[in-house]
Amino acid sequence: MKAWQRYFQTMNEVVEKAYNTQGENIMKAAALLTECTKNDGIIHMFGCGHSGLVTEDVFWRSATLANVHAIFESAVSGINEITKTSRLEKVEGLGRVIAEYNRLAPPDVLVCFFQLRQQCRYGGYGTGRARDGPAGDSFYQCGVRRPADNSAFQRKKN
């Protein structure tokens, strides 16, 4: 089998596995996003390094929902000083600073894209552990969470 055929076979296995196992999680995420939108909340999108490309892909679409806010944090974007970026994204507490700066508050949700063995630790947004792909390779996972009802996250009134 040629390399390109193995690539497509592997990608098809990943899609099939997601199709067969993630329906319930997709519906739960859809319910959270729907509830957020119905209640005038903001859907915040975030990813470190090249995981942020998924955020860009969602955000820059002409049909993006009006309540979608992409969090582009240059300190962890990976666009420059990549060695520093890869260390900064693991700093405990940095996520809280980013979350507070962006004023995440109920009924908002945070959609966090991350790679294998990373966790999105933004202000207590636990997303669980990533799992191995079909060949032990990394693949994207997404965590969707509501902000805690915490005074540190209360949106400032103008």
N, C-alpha and C. Protein backbone atom coordinates (compact mmCIF):
# COMPACT_ATOMS: atom_id res chain seq x y z
N MET A 1 0.85 -1.18 0.00
CA MET A 1 0.00 0.00 0.00
C MET A 1 0.90 1.24 0.00
N LYS A 2 0.54 2.20 -0.80
CA LYS A 2 1.30 3.45 -0.90
C LYS A 2 1.00 4.34 0.29
N ALA A 3 1.91 5.29 0.56
CA ALA A 3 1.79 6.18 1.72
C ALA A 3 0.47 6.96 1.70
N TRP A 4 0.09 7.47 0.55
CA TRP A 4 -1.14 8.26 0.49
C TRP A 4 -2.36 7.39 0.78
N GLN A 5 -2.31 6.11 0.39
CA GLN A 5 -3.41 5.21 0.67
C GLN A 5 -3.50 4.88 2.16
N ARG A 6 -2.33 4.70 2.80
CA ARG A 6 -2.30 4.47 4.25
C ARG A 6 -2.86 5.68 4.99
N TYR A 7 -2.50 6.88 4.49
CA TYR A 7 -3.00 8.11 5.10
C TYR A 7 -4.53 8.14 5.05
N PHE A 8 -5.10 7.91 3.88
CA PHE A 8 -6.55 7.95 3.74
C PHE A 8 -7.21 6.83 4.55
N GLN A 9 -6.59 5.66 4.60
CA GLN A 9 -7.14 4.56 5.39
C GLN A 9 -7.18 4.94 6.87
N THR A 10 -6.08 5.52 7.36
CA THR A 10 -6.02 5.94 8.77
C THR A 10 -7.04 7.03 9.06
N MET A 11 -7.15 8.02 8.18
CA MET A 11 -8.13 9.10 8.41
C MET A 11 -9.56 8.56 8.38
N ASN A 12 -9.83 7.62 7.49
CA ASN A 12 -11.16 7.02 7.45
C ASN A 12 -11.45 6.26 8.74
N GLU A 13 -10.43 5.59 9.30
CA GLU A 13 -10.60 4.87 10.57
C GLU A 13 -10.91 5.86 11.70
N VAL A 14 -10.23 6.99 11.70
CA VAL A 14 -10.47 8.01 12.73
C VAL A 14 -11.90 8.54 12.63
N VAL A 15 -12.32 8.88 11.42
CA VAL A 15 -13.68 9.39 11.21
C VAL A 15 -14.71 8.33 11.59
N GLU A 16 -14.49 7.10 11.18
CA GLU A 16 -15.42 6.02 11.51
C GLU A 16 -15.51 5.81 13.02
N LYS A 17 -14.37 5.85 13.70
CA LYS A 17 -14.37 5.68 15.15
C LYS A 17 -15.15 6.82 15.82
N ALA A 18 -14.93 8.05 15.37
CA ALA A 18 -15.68 9.19 15.91
C ALA A 18 -17.17 9.01 15.63
N TYR A 19 -17.51 8.61 14.43
CA TYR A 19 -18.91 8.41 14.04
C TYR A 19 -19.58 7.36 14.94
N ASN A 20 -18.85 6.28 15.21
CA ASN A 20 -19.42 5.18 15.98
C ASN A 20 -19.43 5.40 17.49
N THR A 21 -18.60 6.30 17.99
CA THR A 21 -18.47 6.43 19.45
C THR A 21 -18.80 7.81 20.01
N GLN A 22 -18.89 8.83 19.19
CA GLN A 22 -19.01 10.18 19.72
C GLN A 22 -20.36 10.85 19.51
N GLY A 23 -21.34 10.13 19.02
CA GLY A 23 -22.65 10.72 18.78
C GLY A 23 -23.25 11.36 20.02
N GLU A 24 -23.21 10.66 21.14
CA GLU A 24 -23.77 11.20 22.38
C GLU A 24 -23.03 12.46 22.83
N ASN A 25 -21.71 12.45 22.74
CA ASN A 25 -20.92 13.63 23.12
C ASN A 25 -21.18 14.82 22.19
N ILE A 26 -21.34 14.54 20.91
CA ILE A 26 -21.64 15.61 19.95
C ILE A 26 -23.00 16.24 20.28
N MET A 27 -23.97 15.41 20.63
CA MET A 27 -25.29 15.93 20.98
C MET A 27 -25.25 16.74 22.28
N LYS A 28 -24.45 16.30 23.25
CA LYS A 28 -24.29 17.06 24.50
C LYS A 28 -23.65 18.42 24.21
N ALA A 29 -22.61 18.43 23.37
CA ALA A 29 -21.96 19.69 23.01
C ALA A 29 -22.94 20.59 22.27
N ALA A 30 -23.71 20.02 21.35
CA ALA A 30 -24.69 20.81 20.61
C ALA A 30 -25.72 21.42 21.55
N ALA A 31 -26.14 20.67 22.57
CA ALA A 31 -27.11 21.19 23.54
C ALA A 31 -26.51 22.35 24.32
N LEU A 32 -25.24 22.23 24.72
CA LEU A 32 -24.58 23.33 25.44
C LEU A 32 -24.48 24.58 24.57
N LEU A 33 -24.09 24.40 23.31
CA LEU A 33 -23.97 25.54 22.40
C LEU A 33 -25.33 26.17 22.12
N THR A 34 -26.35 25.35 21.98
CA THR A 34 -27.71 25.86 21.75
C THR A 34 -28.19 26.65 22.95
N GLU A 35 -28.01 26.09 24.15
CA GLU A 35 -28.42 26.77 25.38
C GLU A 35 -27.68 28.09 25.53
N CYS A 36 -26.39 28.08 25.24
CA CYS A 36 -25.59 29.31 25.30
C CYS A 36 -26.15 30.37 24.36
N THR A 37 -26.43 29.98 23.14
CA THR A 37 -26.93 30.93 22.14
C THR A 37 -28.32 31.45 22.52
N LYS A 38 -29.19 30.56 22.96
CA LYS A 38 -30.54 30.96 23.36
C LYS A 38 -30.51 31.97 24.52
N ASN A 39 -29.51 31.85 25.39
CA ASN A 39 -29.42 32.70 26.57
C ASN A 39 -28.47 33.88 26.37
N ASP A 40 -28.23 34.25 25.10
CA ASP A 40 -27.37 35.39 24.76
C ASP A 40 -25.93 35.24 25.25
N GLY A 41 -25.45 34.02 25.34
CA GLY A 41 -24.08 33.78 25.74
C GLY A 41 -23.13 33.85 24.56
N ILE A 42 -21.86 33.78 24.86
CA ILE A 42 -20.81 33.82 23.85
C ILE A 42 -20.14 32.46 23.79
N ILE A 43 -19.90 31.97 22.58
CA ILE A 43 -19.18 30.73 22.38
C ILE A 43 -17.72 31.11 22.13
N HIS A 44 -16.88 30.88 23.13
CA HIS A 44 -15.45 31.19 23.02
C HIS A 44 -14.73 29.98 22.46
N MET A 45 -13.83 30.20 21.51
CA MET A 45 -13.06 29.13 20.88
C MET A 45 -11.59 29.35 21.21
N PHE A 46 -10.86 28.27 21.53
CA PHE A 46 -9.46 28.42 21.87
C PHE A 46 -8.67 27.16 21.54
N GLY A 47 -7.42 27.35 21.14
CA GLY A 47 -6.48 26.25 20.97
C GLY A 47 -5.06 26.78 21.01
N CYS A 48 -4.15 26.04 21.65
CA CYS A 48 -2.73 26.41 21.71
C CYS A 48 -2.00 25.89 20.47
N GLY A 49 -0.95 26.60 20.08
CA GLY A 49 -0.12 26.13 18.97
C GLY A 49 -0.94 25.88 17.73
N HIS A 50 -0.63 24.78 17.03
CA HIS A 50 -1.37 24.53 15.79
C HIS A 50 -2.79 24.03 16.07
N SER A 51 -3.13 23.72 17.31
CA SER A 51 -4.53 23.42 17.65
C SER A 51 -5.39 24.67 17.45
N GLY A 52 -4.76 25.85 17.52
CA GLY A 52 -5.46 27.10 17.28
C GLY A 52 -5.93 27.25 15.84
N LEU A 53 -5.36 26.46 14.94
CA LEU A 53 -5.80 26.52 13.54
C LEU A 53 -7.26 26.10 13.40
N VAL A 54 -7.70 25.19 14.25
CA VAL A 54 -9.10 24.77 14.22
C VAL A 54 -9.98 25.96 14.61
N THR A 55 -9.54 26.71 15.62
CA THR A 55 -10.27 27.91 16.03
C THR A 55 -10.35 28.90 14.87
N GLU A 56 -9.24 29.11 14.20
CA GLU A 56 -9.23 30.03 13.06
C GLU A 56 -10.18 29.54 11.97
N ASP A 57 -10.16 28.25 11.71
CA ASP A 57 -11.00 27.70 10.66
C ASP A 57 -12.49 27.93 10.96
N VAL A 58 -12.88 27.77 12.21
CA VAL A 58 -14.27 28.00 12.59
C VAL A 58 -14.60 29.49 12.56
N PHE A 59 -13.72 30.31 13.11
CA PHE A 59 -14.02 31.72 13.30
C PHE A 59 -14.05 32.54 12.01
N TRP A 60 -13.16 32.27 11.09
CA TRP A 60 -13.05 33.11 9.89
C TRP A 60 -14.04 32.78 8.80
N ARG A 61 -14.96 31.88 9.04
CA ARG A 61 -15.97 31.52 8.04
C ARG A 61 -17.01 32.62 7.90
N SER A 62 -17.50 32.81 6.69
CA SER A 62 -18.51 33.85 6.47
C SER A 62 -19.83 33.49 7.13
N ALA A 63 -20.06 32.23 7.41
CA ALA A 63 -21.32 31.81 8.03
C ALA A 63 -21.18 31.55 9.53
N THR A 64 -20.11 32.05 10.15
CA THR A 64 -19.92 31.86 11.59
C THR A 64 -21.03 32.56 12.35
N LEU A 65 -21.49 31.93 13.41
CA LEU A 65 -22.51 32.54 14.26
C LEU A 65 -22.00 33.86 14.83
N ALA A 66 -22.90 34.80 15.03
CA ALA A 66 -22.52 36.11 15.54
C ALA A 66 -21.98 36.05 16.96
N ASN A 67 -22.35 35.02 17.72
CA ASN A 67 -21.91 34.95 19.10
C ASN A 67 -20.64 34.13 19.30
N VAL A 68 -19.89 33.88 18.24
CA VAL A 68 -18.62 33.15 18.35
C VAL A 68 -17.48 34.14 18.53
N HIS A 69 -16.66 33.88 19.54
CA HIS A 69 -15.49 34.71 19.82
C HIS A 69 -14.26 33.82 19.84
N ALA A 70 -13.33 34.09 18.96
CA ALA A 70 -12.07 33.33 18.93
C ALA A 70 -11.07 33.99 19.86
N ILE A 71 -10.48 33.19 20.73
CA ILE A 71 -9.44 33.69 21.62
C ILE A 71 -8.10 33.38 20.95
N PHE A 72 -7.47 34.42 20.44
CA PHE A 72 -6.15 34.29 19.82
C PHE A 72 -5.14 34.88 20.79
N GLU A 73 -4.45 34.03 21.52
CA GLU A 73 -3.47 34.48 22.50
C GLU A 73 -2.08 34.26 21.92
N SER A 74 -1.40 35.36 21.59
CA SER A 74 -0.11 35.25 20.90
C SER A 74 0.95 34.52 21.72
N ALA A 75 0.86 34.58 23.04
CA ALA A 75 1.86 33.92 23.89
C ALA A 75 1.88 32.41 23.68
N VAL A 76 0.75 31.83 23.27
CA VAL A 76 0.67 30.38 23.10
C VAL A 76 0.21 29.98 21.70
N SER A 77 0.33 30.90 20.75
CA SER A 77 -0.18 30.63 19.40
C SER A 77 0.78 29.80 18.55
N GLY A 78 2.06 29.86 18.86
CA GLY A 78 3.02 29.10 18.07
C GLY A 78 3.44 29.78 16.78
N ILE A 79 3.04 31.03 16.58
CA ILE A 79 3.40 31.70 15.33
C ILE A 79 4.81 32.26 15.36
N ASN A 80 5.36 32.44 16.54
CA ASN A 80 6.76 32.86 16.66
C ASN A 80 7.31 32.36 17.98
N GLU A 81 8.59 32.27 18.08
CA GLU A 81 9.26 31.78 19.28
C GLU A 81 8.64 30.47 19.76
N ILE A 82 8.65 29.47 18.88
CA ILE A 82 7.94 28.21 19.11
C ILE A 82 8.41 27.48 20.36
N THR A 83 9.69 27.56 20.69
CA THR A 83 10.18 26.88 21.89
C THR A 83 9.57 27.50 23.14
N LYS A 84 9.50 28.82 23.17
CA LYS A 84 8.89 29.50 24.31
C LYS A 84 7.39 29.19 24.37
N THR A 85 6.74 29.20 23.24
CA THR A 85 5.31 28.92 23.17
C THR A 85 4.99 27.55 23.74
N SER A 86 5.77 26.54 23.35
CA SER A 86 5.47 25.18 23.81
C SER A 86 5.65 25.04 25.31
N ARG A 87 6.48 25.86 25.91
CA ARG A 87 6.64 25.85 27.36
C ARG A 87 5.55 26.67 28.05
N LEU A 88 5.19 27.80 27.45
CA LEU A 88 4.18 28.66 28.06
C LEU A 88 2.80 28.00 28.13
N GLU A 89 2.47 27.20 27.11
CA GLU A 89 1.14 26.59 27.11
C GLU A 89 0.96 25.60 28.25
N LYS A 90 2.05 25.21 28.92
CA LYS A 90 1.97 24.27 30.03
C LYS A 90 2.06 24.96 31.39
N VAL A 91 2.16 26.28 31.41
CA VAL A 91 2.28 27.01 32.67
C VAL A 91 0.95 27.00 33.40
N GLU A 92 0.96 26.44 34.61
CA GLU A 92 -0.25 26.39 35.44
C GLU A 92 -0.67 27.82 35.79
N GLY A 93 -1.92 28.13 35.60
CA GLY A 93 -2.46 29.44 35.93
C GLY A 93 -2.55 30.40 34.76
N LEU A 94 -1.83 30.14 33.67
CA LEU A 94 -1.90 31.02 32.51
C LEU A 94 -3.31 31.02 31.93
N GLY A 95 -3.95 29.87 31.95
CA GLY A 95 -5.31 29.78 31.43
C GLY A 95 -6.29 30.67 32.18
N ARG A 96 -6.14 30.74 33.49
CA ARG A 96 -7.03 31.60 34.28
C ARG A 96 -6.85 33.06 33.85
N VAL A 97 -5.62 33.48 33.62
CA VAL A 97 -5.36 34.85 33.18
C VAL A 97 -6.07 35.11 31.85
N ILE A 98 -5.93 34.19 30.90
CA ILE A 98 -6.55 34.34 29.59
C ILE A 98 -8.08 34.34 29.72
N ALA A 99 -8.62 33.44 30.53
CA ALA A 99 -10.07 33.37 30.72
C ALA A 99 -10.60 34.64 31.37
N GLU A 100 -9.91 35.13 32.39
CA GLU A 100 -10.36 36.36 33.06
C GLU A 100 -10.26 37.56 32.13
N TYR A 101 -9.20 37.63 31.36
CA TYR A 101 -9.04 38.74 30.42
C TYR A 101 -10.18 38.75 29.40
N ASN A 102 -10.59 37.58 28.97
CA ASN A 102 -11.66 37.47 27.97
C ASN A 102 -13.05 37.46 28.60
N ARG A 103 -13.12 37.60 29.90
CA ARG A 103 -14.37 37.76 30.66
C ARG A 103 -15.38 36.65 30.39
N LEU A 104 -14.93 35.41 30.45
CA LEU A 104 -15.85 34.29 30.31
C LEU A 104 -16.77 34.26 31.52
N ALA A 105 -18.05 34.16 31.28
CA ALA A 105 -19.04 34.14 32.35
C ALA A 105 -20.28 33.40 31.88
N PRO A 106 -21.00 32.78 32.81
CA PRO A 106 -22.25 32.13 32.42
C PRO A 106 -23.16 33.14 31.71
N PRO A 107 -23.83 32.76 30.66
CA PRO A 107 -24.05 31.42 30.11
C PRO A 107 -23.08 31.05 28.99
N ASP A 108 -21.91 31.69 28.94
CA ASP A 108 -20.92 31.40 27.90
C ASP A 108 -20.45 29.94 27.96
N VAL A 109 -19.86 29.49 26.85
CA VAL A 109 -19.17 28.21 26.83
C VAL A 109 -17.79 28.43 26.21
N LEU A 110 -16.89 27.53 26.54
CA LEU A 110 -15.55 27.53 25.97
C LEU A 110 -15.37 26.24 25.20
N VAL A 111 -15.03 26.35 23.92
CA VAL A 111 -14.69 25.20 23.10
C VAL A 111 -13.17 25.22 22.99
N CYS A 112 -12.55 24.19 23.53
CA CYS A 112 -11.09 24.16 23.61
C CYS A 112 -10.58 23.00 22.77
N PHE A 113 -9.77 23.30 21.77
CA PHE A 113 -9.17 22.27 20.92
C PHE A 113 -7.77 22.00 21.44
N PHE A 114 -7.42 20.74 21.55
CA PHE A 114 -6.10 20.42 22.06
C PHE A 114 -5.64 19.10 21.47
N GLN A 115 -4.35 18.83 21.64
CA GLN A 115 -3.76 17.62 21.11
C GLN A 115 -3.61 16.59 22.19
N LEU A 116 -3.26 15.41 21.76
CA LEU A 116 -3.04 14.30 22.66
C LEU A 116 -2.18 14.70 23.84
N ARG A 117 -2.60 14.28 25.01
CA ARG A 117 -1.89 14.45 26.27
C ARG A 117 -1.80 15.89 26.75
N GLN A 118 -2.52 16.80 26.11
CA GLN A 118 -2.65 18.15 26.64
C GLN A 118 -4.03 18.23 27.25
N GLN A 119 -4.19 19.09 28.21
CA GLN A 119 -5.51 19.35 28.73
C GLN A 119 -5.74 20.85 28.69
N CYS A 120 -6.95 21.23 28.47
CA CYS A 120 -7.28 22.64 28.47
C CYS A 120 -7.60 23.02 29.90
N ARG A 121 -6.72 23.74 30.54
CA ARG A 121 -6.90 24.11 31.95
C ARG A 121 -7.14 25.60 32.04
N TYR A 122 -8.20 26.04 31.43
CA TYR A 122 -8.50 27.46 31.42
C TYR A 122 -9.53 27.78 32.48
N GLY A 123 -9.03 28.30 33.59
CA GLY A 123 -9.92 28.71 34.66
C GLY A 123 -10.79 27.58 35.17
N GLY A 124 -10.22 26.38 35.28
CA GLY A 124 -10.98 25.26 35.81
C GLY A 124 -11.81 24.53 34.77
N TYR A 125 -11.54 24.76 33.50
CA TYR A 125 -12.28 24.06 32.46
C TYR A 125 -11.61 22.72 32.22
N GLY A 126 -11.90 21.74 33.04
CA GLY A 126 -11.33 20.41 32.82
C GLY A 126 -11.99 19.80 31.60
N THR A 127 -11.23 19.12 30.78
CA THR A 127 -11.82 18.52 29.59
C THR A 127 -11.56 17.03 29.52
N GLY A 128 -10.98 16.45 30.56
CA GLY A 128 -10.70 15.03 30.51
C GLY A 128 -9.43 14.74 29.75
N ARG A 129 -9.12 13.49 29.61
CA ARG A 129 -7.86 13.09 28.97
C ARG A 129 -8.08 12.76 27.50
N ALA A 130 -7.08 13.07 26.72
CA ALA A 130 -7.13 12.71 25.30
C ALA A 130 -6.87 11.21 25.17
N ARG A 131 -7.27 10.65 24.08
CA ARG A 131 -7.06 9.22 23.84
C ARG A 131 -6.19 9.04 22.61
N ASP A 132 -5.54 7.86 22.53
CA ASP A 132 -4.71 7.55 21.38
C ASP A 132 -5.56 7.31 20.14
N GLY A 133 -4.98 7.67 18.99
CA GLY A 133 -5.62 7.39 17.72
C GLY A 133 -5.44 5.93 17.35
N PRO A 134 -5.84 5.52 16.15
CA PRO A 134 -5.82 4.12 15.76
C PRO A 134 -4.44 3.47 15.86
N ALA A 135 -3.39 4.23 15.59
CA ALA A 135 -2.05 3.65 15.62
C ALA A 135 -1.24 4.24 16.78
N GLY A 136 -1.93 4.76 17.81
CA GLY A 136 -1.23 5.39 18.91
C GLY A 136 -0.84 6.82 18.58
N ASP A 137 -1.27 7.31 17.43
CA ASP A 137 -0.92 8.66 17.02
C ASP A 137 -1.85 9.66 17.68
N SER A 138 -1.39 10.90 17.74
CA SER A 138 -2.24 11.93 18.35
C SER A 138 -3.30 12.37 17.36
N PHE A 139 -4.41 12.81 17.90
CA PHE A 139 -5.44 13.42 17.07
C PHE A 139 -6.18 14.43 17.93
N TYR A 140 -6.92 15.29 17.29
CA TYR A 140 -7.58 16.37 18.00
C TYR A 140 -8.75 15.87 18.82
N GLN A 141 -8.90 16.48 19.94
CA GLN A 141 -10.10 16.31 20.74
C GLN A 141 -10.61 17.70 21.05
N CYS A 142 -11.80 17.76 21.47
CA CYS A 142 -12.41 19.05 21.76
C CYS A 142 -13.17 18.94 23.06
N GLY A 143 -12.95 19.90 23.94
CA GLY A 143 -13.71 19.96 25.18
C GLY A 143 -14.63 21.16 25.14
N VAL A 144 -15.87 20.98 25.54
CA VAL A 144 -16.83 22.08 25.60
C VAL A 144 -17.33 22.16 27.03
N ARG A 145 -17.14 23.30 27.66
CA ARG A 145 -17.53 23.47 29.05
C ARG A 145 -18.14 24.83 29.27
N ARG A 146 -18.98 24.90 30.31
CA ARG A 146 -19.52 26.18 30.76
C ARG A 146 -18.58 26.75 31.80
N PRO A 147 -18.45 28.09 31.87
CA PRO A 147 -17.64 28.68 32.93
C PRO A 147 -18.30 28.42 34.29
N ALA A 148 -17.47 28.32 35.30
CA ALA A 148 -17.99 28.18 36.66
C ALA A 148 -18.71 29.48 37.03
N ASP A 149 -19.71 29.37 37.85
CA ASP A 149 -20.40 30.58 38.30
C ASP A 149 -19.55 31.19 39.41
N ASN A 150 -18.53 31.92 39.02
CA ASN A 150 -17.49 32.40 39.92
C ASN A 150 -17.32 33.89 39.69
N SER A 151 -17.19 34.64 40.75
CA SER A 151 -17.10 36.10 40.61
C SER A 151 -15.91 36.54 39.76
N ALA A 152 -14.85 35.72 39.70
CA ALA A 152 -13.69 36.08 38.89
C ALA A 152 -14.03 36.12 37.41
N PHE A 153 -15.13 35.46 37.03
CA PHE A 153 -15.50 35.38 35.63
C PHE A 153 -16.68 36.28 35.27
N GLN A 154 -17.15 37.08 36.19
CA GLN A 154 -18.32 37.90 35.88
C GLN A 154 -18.01 38.97 34.86
N ARG A 155 -18.84 39.05 33.84
CA ARG A 155 -18.64 40.03 32.78
C ARG A 155 -18.91 41.41 33.34
N LYS A 156 -18.02 42.31 33.01
CA LYS A 156 -18.16 43.70 33.48
C LYS A 156 -19.27 44.39 32.70
N LYS A 157 -20.11 45.09 33.37
CA LYS A 157 -21.18 45.86 32.72
C LYS A 157 -20.64 47.21 32.29
N ASN A 158 -21.02 47.65 31.11
CA ASN A 158 -20.57 48.96 30.63
C ASN A 158 -21.43 50.07 31.17
